[in-house]
């Protein structure tokens, strides 16, 4: 196989994507040598040890995340940006991947472009986090995203996603996920905080849009933050 044919195969498989030297060796056993020559010619970009990128003129970080072939899931606040229609715009992108080597490559690639990636490595990721494919992106499920954002005190992210996707959100699933999980470093159960937020929406809007029982949250600081989040969503929605 000549160098030109090798480059064409790379382009066909990984245009706009990161790829490992190991994966390229499945295309040709002389991949290391060929990749070095293609890098010198400006055909591919070396990202970090063991990883390359086949260039593509993407518009923004979201297009790169769609084009890149590696298995990754948008989680927590970044997933919330999808569910709440970017109600809260964030410049930090939270991802979960299965492989530490791929994590290193993503972080190196992002750093060169001024992006901030916060990446978790989770073994057996596809079985640990529920996700859906939305516009070419793998996104943490709505209910899981809401509960995990609440756990990290990201109340506005969680509450805006809950409100904007109220016709899709399963209260039963939220109860199951949040019944025993607590807001970080507190004794407040997340399902209780979600019910409080739902009741606060009902009171602010003057109608019952969430069918939950009345409840209270014992900590005044958390009540205040939830109240403020609901008010912002109602005001700007």
C-alpha atoms as a PDB file:
ATOM      1  CA  UNK A   1       0.000   0.000   0.000  1.00  0.00           C
ATOM      2  CA  UNK A   2       1.430   3.355  -1.011  1.00  0.00           C
ATOM      3  CA  UNK A   3       1.431   6.406   1.232  1.00  0.00           C
ATOM      4  CA  UNK A   4      -1.256   8.150  -0.829  1.00  0.00           C
ATOM      5  CA  UNK A   5      -3.615   5.195  -0.513  1.00  0.00           C
ATOM      6  CA  UNK A   6      -2.972   5.017   3.234  1.00  0.00           C
ATOM      7  CA  UNK A   7      -3.846   8.730   3.547  1.00  0.00           C
ATOM      8  CA  UNK A   8      -7.063   8.198   1.568  1.00  0.00           C
ATOM      9  CA  UNK A   9      -8.079   5.390   3.906  1.00  0.00           C
ATOM     10  CA  UNK A  10      -7.393   7.570   6.941  1.00  0.00           C
ATOM     11  CA  UNK A  11      -9.480  10.367   5.452  1.00  0.00           C
ATOM     12  CA  UNK A  12     -12.357   8.010   4.719  1.00  0.00           C
ATOM     13  CA  UNK A  13     -12.365   6.551   8.243  1.00  0.00           C
ATOM     14  CA  UNK A  14     -11.361   9.503  10.414  1.00  0.00           C
ATOM     15  CA  UNK A  15     -11.785  12.849   8.670  1.00  0.00           C
ATOM     16  CA  UNK A  16     -12.569  15.328  11.449  1.00  0.00           C
ATOM     17  CA  UNK A  17     -11.745  12.764  14.121  1.00  0.00           C
ATOM     18  CA  UNK A  18      -9.019  11.751  16.511  1.00  0.00           C
ATOM     19  CA  UNK A  19      -7.552   8.307  15.924  1.00  0.00           C
ATOM     20  CA  UNK A  20      -4.892   6.223  17.596  1.00  0.00           C
ATOM     21  CA  UNK A  21      -1.745   4.823  16.047  1.00  0.00           C
ATOM     22  CA  UNK A  22      -2.970   1.405  17.154  1.00  0.00           C
ATOM     23  CA  UNK A  23      -6.186   1.863  15.151  1.00  0.00           C
ATOM     24  CA  UNK A  24      -4.187   3.086  12.128  1.00  0.00           C
ATOM     25  CA  UNK A  25      -2.008  -0.024  12.280  1.00  0.00           C
ATOM     26  CA  UNK A  26      -5.122  -2.028  11.437  1.00  0.00           C
ATOM     27  CA  UNK A  27      -5.126  -0.111   8.140  1.00  0.00           C
ATOM     28  CA  UNK A  28      -1.459  -0.804   7.470  1.00  0.00           C
ATOM     29  CA  UNK A  29       1.341  -2.320   9.528  1.00  0.00           C
ATOM     30  CA  UNK A  30       3.673   0.561   8.569  1.00  0.00           C
ATOM     31  CA  UNK A  31       1.251   3.110  10.065  1.00  0.00           C
ATOM     32  CA  UNK A  32       3.838   4.645  12.417  1.00  0.00           C
ATOM     33  CA  UNK A  33       6.189   5.432   9.579  1.00  0.00           C
ATOM     34  CA  UNK A  34       3.409   6.672   7.297  1.00  0.00           C
ATOM     35  CA  UNK A  35       1.866   8.863   9.979  1.00  0.00           C
ATOM     36  CA  UNK A  36       5.210  10.496  10.672  1.00  0.00           C
ATOM     37  CA  UNK A  37       5.591  11.294   6.972  1.00  0.00           C
ATOM     38  CA  UNK A  38       2.003  12.563   6.677  1.00  0.00           C
ATOM     39  CA  UNK A  39       2.494  14.800   9.691  1.00  0.00           C
ATOM     40  CA  UNK A  40       5.602  16.337   8.117  1.00  0.00           C
ATOM     41  CA  UNK A  41       3.559  16.958   4.965  1.00  0.00           C
ATOM     42  CA  UNK A  42       0.753  18.614   6.942  1.00  0.00           C
ATOM     43  CA  UNK A  43      -1.815  15.961   6.037  1.00  0.00           C
ATOM     44  CA  UNK A  44      -2.477  14.866   9.630  1.00  0.00           C
ATOM     45  CA  UNK A  45      -1.931  16.573  12.987  1.00  0.00           C
ATOM     46  CA  UNK A  46      -0.111  14.881  15.848  1.00  0.00           C
ATOM     47  CA  UNK A  47      -2.161  15.458  18.989  1.00  0.00           C
ATOM     48  CA  UNK A  48      -0.117  13.645  21.615  1.00  0.00           C
ATOM     49  CA  UNK A  49       1.817  10.412  22.009  1.00  0.00           C
ATOM     50  CA  UNK A  50      -0.055   7.672  20.155  1.00  0.00           C
ATOM     51  CA  UNK A  51      -2.811   9.919  18.768  1.00  0.00           C
ATOM     52  CA  UNK A  52      -3.418  11.910  15.570  1.00  0.00           C
ATOM     53  CA  UNK A  53      -6.169  14.029  14.064  1.00  0.00           C
ATOM     54  CA  UNK A  54      -7.300  14.146  10.439  1.00  0.00           C
ATOM     55  CA  UNK A  55      -8.078  17.851   9.794  1.00  0.00           C
ATOM     56  CA  UNK A  56     -11.572  19.116   9.089  1.00  0.00           C
ATOM     57  CA  UNK A  57     -12.838  22.712   9.091  1.00  0.00           C
ATOM     58  CA  UNK A  58     -15.383  22.513  11.886  1.00  0.00           C
ATOM     59  CA  UNK A  59     -17.426  25.562  12.907  1.00  0.00           C
ATOM     60  CA  UNK A  60     -17.255  25.093  16.661  1.00  0.00           C
ATOM     61  CA  UNK A  61     -16.644  22.631  19.476  1.00  0.00           C
ATOM     62  CA  UNK A  62     -20.065  21.041  18.983  1.00  0.00           C
ATOM     63  CA  UNK A  63     -19.296  20.133  15.379  1.00  0.00           C
ATOM     64  CA  UNK A  64     -16.001  18.579  16.444  1.00  0.00           C
ATOM     65  CA  UNK A  65     -17.778  16.516  19.112  1.00  0.00           C
ATOM     66  CA  UNK A  66     -20.218  15.282  16.467  1.00  0.00           C
ATOM     67  CA  UNK A  67     -17.516  14.415  13.929  1.00  0.00           C
ATOM     68  CA  UNK A  68     -15.102  12.773  16.331  1.00  0.00           C
ATOM     69  CA  UNK A  69     -15.540   8.988  16.267  1.00  0.00           C
ATOM     70  CA  UNK A  70     -14.478   8.267  19.866  1.00  0.00           C
ATOM     71  CA  UNK A  71     -17.125   7.041  22.297  1.00  0.00           C
ATOM     72  CA  UNK A  72     -18.001   9.847  24.690  1.00  0.00           C
ATOM     73  CA  UNK A  73     -21.106  11.036  26.526  1.00  0.00           C
ATOM     74  CA  UNK A  74     -21.948  14.638  27.386  1.00  0.00           C
ATOM     75  CA  UNK A  75     -22.743  14.692  31.088  1.00  0.00           C
ATOM     76  CA  UNK A  76     -24.039  16.935  33.884  1.00  0.00           C
ATOM     77  CA  UNK A  77     -23.941  20.680  33.083  1.00  0.00           C
ATOM     78  CA  UNK A  78     -22.979  20.096  29.453  1.00  0.00           C
ATOM     79  CA  UNK A  79     -25.853  17.669  28.996  1.00  0.00           C
ATOM     80  CA  UNK A  80     -28.088  20.233  30.661  1.00  0.00           C
ATOM     81  CA  UNK A  81     -27.135  22.747  27.952  1.00  0.00           C
ATOM     82  CA  UNK A  82     -28.739  20.380  25.463  1.00  0.00           C
ATOM     83  CA  UNK A  83     -31.828  19.697  27.554  1.00  0.00           C
ATOM     84  CA  UNK A  84     -32.478  23.334  28.520  1.00  0.00           C
ATOM     85  CA  UNK A  85     -31.750  24.753  25.042  1.00  0.00           C
ATOM     86  CA  UNK A  86     -28.553  26.453  26.275  1.00  0.00           C
ATOM     87  CA  UNK A  87     -30.474  28.467  28.872  1.00  0.00           C
ATOM     88  CA  UNK A  88     -27.181  28.681  30.753  1.00  0.00           C
ATOM     89  CA  UNK A  89     -24.280  29.028  28.336  1.00  0.00           C
ATOM     90  CA  UNK A  90     -21.116  27.413  29.654  1.00  0.00           C
ATOM     91  CA  UNK A  91     -17.611  27.314  28.211  1.00  0.00           C
ATOM     92  CA  UNK A  92     -16.600  24.200  30.125  1.00  0.00           C
ATOM     93  CA  UNK A  93     -17.500  20.903  28.483  1.00  0.00           C
ATOM     94  CA  UNK A  94     -18.010  17.859  30.704  1.00  0.00           C
ATOM     95  CA  UNK A  95     -17.551  14.464  29.092  1.00  0.00           C
ATOM     96  CA  UNK A  96     -17.327  10.839  30.122  1.00  0.00           C
ATOM     97  CA  UNK A  97     -15.136   8.351  28.219  1.00  0.00           C
ATOM     98  CA  UNK A  98     -14.062   4.729  28.686  1.00  0.00           C
ATOM     99  CA  UNK A  99     -10.351   5.011  27.971  1.00  0.00           C
ATOM    100  CA  UNK A 100      -7.608   7.048  29.653  1.00  0.00           C
ATOM    101  CA  UNK A 101      -5.563   7.250  26.479  1.00  0.00           C
ATOM    102  CA  UNK A 102      -8.503   8.756  24.606  1.00  0.00           C
ATOM    103  CA  UNK A 103      -9.086  11.149  27.525  1.00  0.00           C
ATOM    104  CA  UNK A 104      -5.502  12.364  27.226  1.00  0.00           C
ATOM    105  CA  UNK A 105      -5.904  12.884  23.479  1.00  0.00           C
ATOM    106  CA  UNK A 106      -9.165  14.822  23.866  1.00  0.00           C
ATOM    107  CA  UNK A 107      -7.657  17.063  26.534  1.00  0.00           C
ATOM    108  CA  UNK A 108      -4.555  17.781  24.445  1.00  0.00           C
ATOM    109  CA  UNK A 109      -6.637  18.522  21.357  1.00  0.00           C
ATOM    110  CA  UNK A 110      -8.967  20.822  23.299  1.00  0.00           C
ATOM    111  CA  UNK A 111      -6.106  22.685  24.965  1.00  0.00           C
ATOM    112  CA  UNK A 112      -4.575  23.594  21.592  1.00  0.00           C
ATOM    113  CA  UNK A 113      -7.889  25.190  20.602  1.00  0.00           C
ATOM    114  CA  UNK A 114      -8.599  26.989  23.850  1.00  0.00           C
ATOM    115  CA  UNK A 115     -11.439  24.715  24.887  1.00  0.00           C
ATOM    116  CA  UNK A 116     -11.889  23.493  28.441  1.00  0.00           C
ATOM    117  CA  UNK A 117     -12.760  19.807  28.646  1.00  0.00           C
ATOM    118  CA  UNK A 118     -13.420  18.164  32.010  1.00  0.00           C
ATOM    119  CA  UNK A 119     -13.349  14.449  31.332  1.00  0.00           C
ATOM    120  CA  UNK A 120     -14.202  11.489  33.555  1.00  0.00           C
ATOM    121  CA  UNK A 121     -13.004   7.988  32.765  1.00  0.00           C
ATOM    122  CA  UNK A 122     -15.675   5.390  33.551  1.00  0.00           C
ATOM    123  CA  UNK A 123     -15.057   1.715  32.880  1.00  0.00           C
ATOM    124  CA  UNK A 124     -18.043   0.133  31.167  1.00  0.00           C
ATOM    125  CA  UNK A 125     -19.387   3.604  30.475  1.00  0.00           C
ATOM    126  CA  UNK A 126     -22.141   2.498  28.108  1.00  0.00           C
ATOM    127  CA  UNK A 127     -23.688   0.492  30.958  1.00  0.00           C
ATOM    128  CA  UNK A 128     -23.065   3.022  33.747  1.00  0.00           C
ATOM    129  CA  UNK A 129     -24.736   6.151  32.313  1.00  0.00           C
ATOM    130  CA  UNK A 130     -28.044   6.182  30.468  1.00  0.00           C
ATOM    131  CA  UNK A 131     -27.843   8.314  27.351  1.00  0.00           C
ATOM    132  CA  UNK A 132     -29.652   9.327  24.186  1.00  0.00           C
ATOM    133  CA  UNK A 133     -28.426  10.390  20.772  1.00  0.00           C
ATOM    134  CA  UNK A 134     -29.463  13.984  20.072  1.00  0.00           C
ATOM    135  CA  UNK A 135     -28.336  15.796  16.918  1.00  0.00           C
ATOM    136  CA  UNK A 136     -25.386  13.466  16.519  1.00  0.00           C
ATOM    137  CA  UNK A 137     -24.276  13.755  20.167  1.00  0.00           C
ATOM    138  CA  UNK A 138     -24.513  11.176  22.940  1.00  0.00           C
ATOM    139  CA  UNK A 139     -26.171  12.990  25.846  1.00  0.00           C
ATOM    140  CA  UNK A 140     -26.815  11.852  29.408  1.00  0.00           C
ATOM    141  CA  UNK A 141     -30.505  11.047  29.923  1.00  0.00           C
ATOM    142  CA  UNK A 142     -32.678  13.927  31.082  1.00  0.00           C
ATOM    143  CA  UNK A 143     -33.545  12.478  34.489  1.00  0.00           C
ATOM    144  CA  UNK A 144     -29.978  11.401  35.254  1.00  0.00           C
ATOM    145  CA  UNK A 145     -28.715  14.833  34.203  1.00  0.00           C
ATOM    146  CA  UNK A 146     -31.203  16.634  36.475  1.00  0.00           C
ATOM    147  CA  UNK A 147     -30.346  14.479  39.485  1.00  0.00           C
ATOM    148  CA  UNK A 148     -26.569  14.738  38.980  1.00  0.00           C
ATOM    149  CA  UNK A 149     -26.685  18.508  38.519  1.00  0.00           C
ATOM    150  CA  UNK A 150     -28.744  18.843  41.703  1.00  0.00           C
ATOM    151  CA  UNK A 151     -26.195  16.695  43.524  1.00  0.00           C
ATOM    152  CA  UNK A 152     -23.442  19.156  42.541  1.00  0.00           C
ATOM    153  CA  UNK A 153     -25.423  22.253  43.597  1.00  0.00           C
ATOM    154  CA  UNK A 154     -25.985  23.210  39.950  1.00  0.00           C
ATOM    155  CA  UNK A 155     -29.605  23.996  40.722  1.00  0.00           C
ATOM    156  CA  UNK A 156     -30.261  26.350  37.821  1.00  0.00           C
ATOM    157  CA  UNK A 157     -28.948  23.792  35.317  1.00  0.00           C
ATOM    158  CA  UNK A 158     -31.171  21.089  36.792  1.00  0.00           C
ATOM    159  CA  UNK A 159     -34.270  23.201  37.306  1.00  0.00           C
ATOM    160  CA  UNK A 160     -34.201  24.817  33.865  1.00  0.00           C
ATOM    161  CA  UNK A 161     -33.883  21.369  32.247  1.00  0.00           C
ATOM    162  CA  UNK A 162     -36.773  20.126  34.393  1.00  0.00           C
ATOM    163  CA  UNK A 163     -38.985  23.036  33.367  1.00  0.00           C
ATOM    164  CA  UNK A 164     -38.194  23.181  29.649  1.00  0.00           C
ATOM    165  CA  UNK A 165     -38.550  19.400  29.309  1.00  0.00           C
ATOM    166  CA  UNK A 166     -41.469  19.028  31.733  1.00  0.00           C
ATOM    167  CA  UNK A 167     -43.498  17.123  29.157  1.00  0.00           C
ATOM    168  CA  UNK A 168     -40.661  14.632  28.714  1.00  0.00           C
ATOM    169  CA  UNK A 169     -39.290  14.320  32.242  1.00  0.00           C
ATOM    170  CA  UNK A 170     -40.481  11.253  34.148  1.00  0.00           C
ATOM    171  CA  UNK A 171     -41.233  12.125  37.760  1.00  0.00           C
ATOM    172  CA  UNK A 172     -41.226   8.416  38.521  1.00  0.00           C
ATOM    173  CA  UNK A 173     -37.690   8.087  37.145  1.00  0.00           C
ATOM    174  CA  UNK A 174     -36.570  11.210  39.004  1.00  0.00           C
ATOM    175  CA  UNK A 175     -37.975   9.750  42.214  1.00  0.00           C
ATOM    176  CA  UNK A 176     -36.183   6.463  41.642  1.00  0.00           C
ATOM    177  CA  UNK A 177     -32.844   8.143  40.907  1.00  0.00           C
ATOM    178  CA  UNK A 178     -33.060  10.862  43.544  1.00  0.00           C
ATOM    179  CA  UNK A 179     -34.835   9.178  46.415  1.00  0.00           C
ATOM    180  CA  UNK A 180     -31.701   8.053  48.225  1.00  0.00           C
ATOM    181  CA  UNK A 181     -29.095  10.303  46.598  1.00  0.00           C
ATOM    182  CA  UNK A 182     -28.220  13.493  48.454  1.00  0.00           C
ATOM    183  CA  UNK A 183     -27.041  16.965  47.539  1.00  0.00           C
ATOM    184  CA  UNK A 184     -23.277  16.941  48.007  1.00  0.00           C
ATOM    185  CA  UNK A 185     -22.124  17.392  51.624  1.00  0.00           C
ATOM    186  CA  UNK A 186     -25.690  17.656  52.937  1.00  0.00           C
ATOM    187  CA  UNK A 187     -28.414  15.355  54.224  1.00  0.00           C
ATOM    188  CA  UNK A 188     -30.942  16.761  51.745  1.00  0.00           C
ATOM    189  CA  UNK A 189     -32.321  14.086  49.452  1.00  0.00           C
ATOM    190  CA  UNK A 190     -32.418  15.123  45.821  1.00  0.00           C
ATOM    191  CA  UNK A 191     -35.954  13.887  45.213  1.00  0.00           C
ATOM    192  CA  UNK A 192     -37.127  16.094  48.069  1.00  0.00           C
ATOM    193  CA  UNK A 193     -35.349  19.099  46.529  1.00  0.00           C
ATOM    194  CA  UNK A 194     -36.884  18.329  43.127  1.00  0.00           C
ATOM    195  CA  UNK A 195     -40.372  18.137  44.645  1.00  0.00           C
ATOM    196  CA  UNK A 196     -39.759  21.469  46.365  1.00  0.00           C
ATOM    197  CA  UNK A 197     -38.711  23.014  43.040  1.00  0.00           C
ATOM    198  CA  UNK A 198     -41.820  21.592  41.341  1.00  0.00           C
ATOM    199  CA  UNK A 199     -44.086  23.055  44.027  1.00  0.00           C
ATOM    200  CA  UNK A 200     -42.310  26.401  43.750  1.00  0.00           C
ATOM    201  CA  UNK A 201     -43.005  26.414  39.998  1.00  0.00           C
ATOM    202  CA  UNK A 202     -46.676  25.658  40.691  1.00  0.00           C
ATOM    203  CA  UNK A 203     -46.887  28.550  43.151  1.00  0.00           C
ATOM    204  CA  UNK A 204     -45.051  31.016  40.886  1.00  0.00           C
ATOM    205  CA  UNK A 205     -47.160  30.173  37.844  1.00  0.00           C
ATOM    206  CA  UNK A 206     -50.448  29.912  39.701  1.00  0.00           C
ATOM    207  CA  UNK A 207     -51.276  26.493  38.292  1.00  0.00           C
ATOM    208  CA  UNK A 208     -50.275  22.895  38.857  1.00  0.00           C
ATOM    209  CA  UNK A 209     -47.855  22.047  36.076  1.00  0.00           C
ATOM    210  CA  UNK A 210     -46.082  19.406  38.190  1.00  0.00           C
ATOM    211  CA  UNK A 211     -48.164  16.760  39.918  1.00  0.00           C
ATOM    212  CA  UNK A 212     -46.202  16.285  43.141  1.00  0.00           C
ATOM    213  CA  UNK A 213     -47.033  16.471  46.821  1.00  0.00           C
ATOM    214  CA  UNK A 214     -46.157  19.534  48.856  1.00  0.00           C
ATOM    215  CA  UNK A 215     -42.864  19.252  50.682  1.00  0.00           C
ATOM    216  CA  UNK A 216     -40.280  21.382  52.424  1.00  0.00           C
ATOM    217  CA  UNK A 217     -36.503  21.576  52.473  1.00  0.00           C
ATOM    218  CA  UNK A 218     -34.975  21.988  55.907  1.00  0.00           C
ATOM    219  CA  UNK A 219     -31.889  23.997  54.908  1.00  0.00           C
ATOM    220  CA  UNK A 220     -32.669  27.668  54.238  1.00  0.00           C
ATOM    221  CA  UNK A 221     -29.653  28.175  51.953  1.00  0.00           C
ATOM    222  CA  UNK A 222     -30.809  25.411  49.625  1.00  0.00           C
ATOM    223  CA  UNK A 223     -34.392  26.694  49.691  1.00  0.00           C
ATOM    224  CA  UNK A 224     -33.139  30.142  48.751  1.00  0.00           C
ATOM    225  CA  UNK A 225     -31.027  28.845  45.849  1.00  0.00           C
ATOM    226  CA  UNK A 226     -33.896  26.759  44.514  1.00  0.00           C
ATOM    227  CA  UNK A 227     -36.304  29.694  44.837  1.00  0.00           C
ATOM    228  CA  UNK A 228     -33.888  31.944  42.943  1.00  0.00           C
ATOM    229  CA  UNK A 229     -33.426  29.330  40.198  1.00  0.00           C
ATOM    230  CA  UNK A 230     -37.165  28.923  39.716  1.00  0.00           C
ATOM    231  CA  UNK A 231     -37.642  32.698  39.581  1.00  0.00           C
ATOM    232  CA  UNK A 232     -34.942  33.052  36.898  1.00  0.00           C
ATOM    233  CA  UNK A 233     -36.467  30.323  34.768  1.00  0.00           C
ATOM    234  CA  UNK A 234     -39.979  31.784  35.090  1.00  0.00           C
ATOM    235  CA  UNK A 235     -38.680  35.278  34.330  1.00  0.00           C
ATOM    236  CA  UNK A 236     -36.640  34.427  31.235  1.00  0.00           C
ATOM    237  CA  UNK A 237     -38.393  31.348  29.873  1.00  0.00           C
END
